[in-house]
Protein backbone atom coordinates (compact mmCIF):
# COMPACT_ATOMS: atom_id res chain seq x y z
CA MET A 1 -8.06 3.71 -12.56
CA ASP A 2 -5.92 0.83 -10.52
CA GLU A 3 -4.99 -2.30 -12.30
CA ASP A 4 -2.53 -4.77 -12.64
CA ALA A 5 1.00 -3.54 -13.49
CA THR A 6 2.20 -3.93 -16.73
CA ASP A 7 6.07 -4.76 -17.54
CA SER A 8 8.84 -1.78 -16.95
CA LEU A 9 8.86 -1.95 -21.34
CA HIS A 10 5.30 -0.51 -20.84
CA ARG A 11 5.13 1.35 -17.66
CA GLU A 12 6.16 4.60 -18.86
CA ALA A 13 3.71 4.65 -21.56
CA ARG A 14 0.32 3.43 -19.69
CA ILE A 15 1.43 6.44 -17.39
CA TYR A 16 1.28 8.58 -20.23
CA SER A 17 -2.34 7.13 -21.26
CA ARG A 18 -3.37 7.15 -17.74
CA THR A 19 -2.63 10.73 -17.10
CA GLU A 20 -4.45 11.62 -20.91
CA LYS A 21 -7.25 9.81 -19.56
CA LEU A 22 -7.84 11.50 -16.24
CA LEU A 23 -7.14 14.73 -17.95
CA GLU A 24 -9.81 13.81 -20.18
CA GLU A 25 -12.41 12.81 -17.07
CA ILE A 26 -11.30 16.19 -15.24
CA LYS A 27 -12.78 18.06 -18.35
CA ASN A 28 -15.61 16.27 -18.78
CA LEU A 29 -16.60 16.70 -15.04
CA PHE A 30 -15.54 19.95 -14.73
CA PRO A 31 -15.81 21.94 -18.09
CA SER A 32 -14.33 25.22 -16.35
CA PHE A 33 -11.15 23.17 -16.10
CA SER A 34 -11.08 22.58 -19.80
CA GLN A 35 -7.18 24.06 -19.93
CA VAL A 36 -6.49 22.11 -17.43
CA LYS A 37 -2.70 20.36 -18.01
CA ALA A 38 -0.80 18.00 -16.21
CA ALA A 39 2.17 19.38 -14.25
CA TYR A 40 3.69 16.03 -13.60
CA ARG A 41 2.96 12.05 -14.67
CA TRP A 42 3.60 9.05 -11.74
CA GLY A 43 2.63 5.74 -11.28
CA ALA A 44 3.16 3.14 -8.11
CA LEU A 45 3.02 -0.23 -6.99
CA PHE A 46 0.82 -1.44 -4.75
CA ALA A 47 1.49 -4.93 -2.81
CA SER A 48 -0.90 -7.00 -0.61
CA THR A 49 -0.61 -10.10 1.50
CA GLU A 50 -2.75 -12.95 0.80
CA ASP A 51 -5.29 -12.83 3.43
CA GLY A 52 -5.40 -9.00 3.47
CA LEU A 53 -3.68 -8.38 6.82
CA PRO A 54 -0.84 -6.04 7.72
CA LEU A 55 2.28 -7.44 8.94
CA ILE A 56 2.81 -5.57 12.41
CA GLY A 57 5.21 -6.91 15.10
CA GLU A 58 8.69 -8.57 15.91
CA HIS A 59 10.47 -9.91 12.38
CA PRO A 60 11.90 -13.55 13.42
CA ASP A 61 15.01 -12.91 11.61
CA TYR A 62 15.69 -9.13 13.90
CA PRO A 63 14.94 -9.99 17.07
CA HIS A 64 14.11 -7.23 19.44
CA CYS A 65 13.09 -4.78 15.86
CA TYR A 66 9.03 -4.04 15.26
CA PHE A 67 7.99 -3.41 11.69
CA ILE A 68 4.44 -2.07 10.52
CA GLU A 69 3.90 -3.32 7.21
CA GLY A 70 0.68 -1.98 5.87
CA TYR A 71 -0.17 -2.82 2.34
CA GLY A 72 -2.99 -1.05 0.04
CA GLY A 73 -5.49 1.60 0.76
CA ASN A 74 -6.10 0.83 4.74
CA ARG A 75 -1.87 1.31 5.47
CA THR A 76 -2.85 3.98 7.13
CA VAL A 77 -5.50 2.72 9.96
CA TYR A 78 -3.13 -0.76 9.70
CA SER A 79 -0.14 2.27 10.72
CA MET A 80 -2.10 3.59 14.00
CA ILE A 81 -3.25 -0.13 14.82
CA GLY A 82 0.25 -1.34 14.68
CA ALA A 83 1.63 1.94 16.51
CA ASP A 84 -0.90 0.90 19.04
CA LEU A 85 0.12 -2.40 19.18
CA ILE A 86 3.81 -2.38 19.13
CA THR A 87 3.82 0.66 21.81
CA ASP A 88 1.89 -1.76 24.58
CA THR A 89 4.65 -4.56 23.33
CA ILE A 90 7.42 -2.58 24.01
CA LYS A 91 6.01 -1.27 27.14
CA GLY A 92 5.63 -5.23 28.33
CA ILE A 93 1.90 -5.46 27.72
CA HIS A 94 0.79 -8.49 25.91
CA ARG A 95 -1.31 -7.90 23.34
CA PRO A 96 -2.83 -11.73 22.15
CA GLU A 97 -4.34 -9.88 18.70
CA LEU A 98 -0.68 -9.91 17.54
CA GLU A 99 -0.90 -13.17 16.45
CA LEU A 100 -3.59 -12.48 13.65
CA PHE A 101 -0.10 -9.99 11.94
CA SER A 102 2.44 -12.22 13.00
CA PHE A 103 4.90 -12.31 10.50
CA THR A 104 5.06 -16.29 10.98
CA ARG A 105 1.70 -16.70 9.96
CA THR A 106 0.55 -19.16 7.67
CA SER A 107 -0.16 -16.38 5.02
CA LYS A 108 2.96 -14.61 3.41
CA PRO A 109 3.12 -11.80 1.50
CA ILE A 110 2.61 -11.52 -2.31
CA SER A 111 3.28 -8.22 -4.24
CA ASN A 112 1.51 -6.97 -7.66
CA PHE A 113 4.53 -6.20 -9.43
CA GLY A 114 3.29 -7.74 -12.37
């Protein structure tokens, strides 16, 4: 049920209505859970980069500081890739594929904050 972000005035109402819709889906799929209720309601924002790739490596504004910025549904996979790349970099092993994830590549981060 992911969707583009709404403005902050409508966000709480969307969280409530989406929770109700999810509860209806649960009850339709699993009739034995017809009494289920939501204990909590929450929403989250997703961000991405223009090319969909994470940002991994040394930040140009922070020498000797390494970042792993994975976005969207693949952020867990990106974190493992980034950990491997940065570990090798710290050990002095050159990893040319870091250029794919560089903070200075031509595509810049964008967000889905509405």
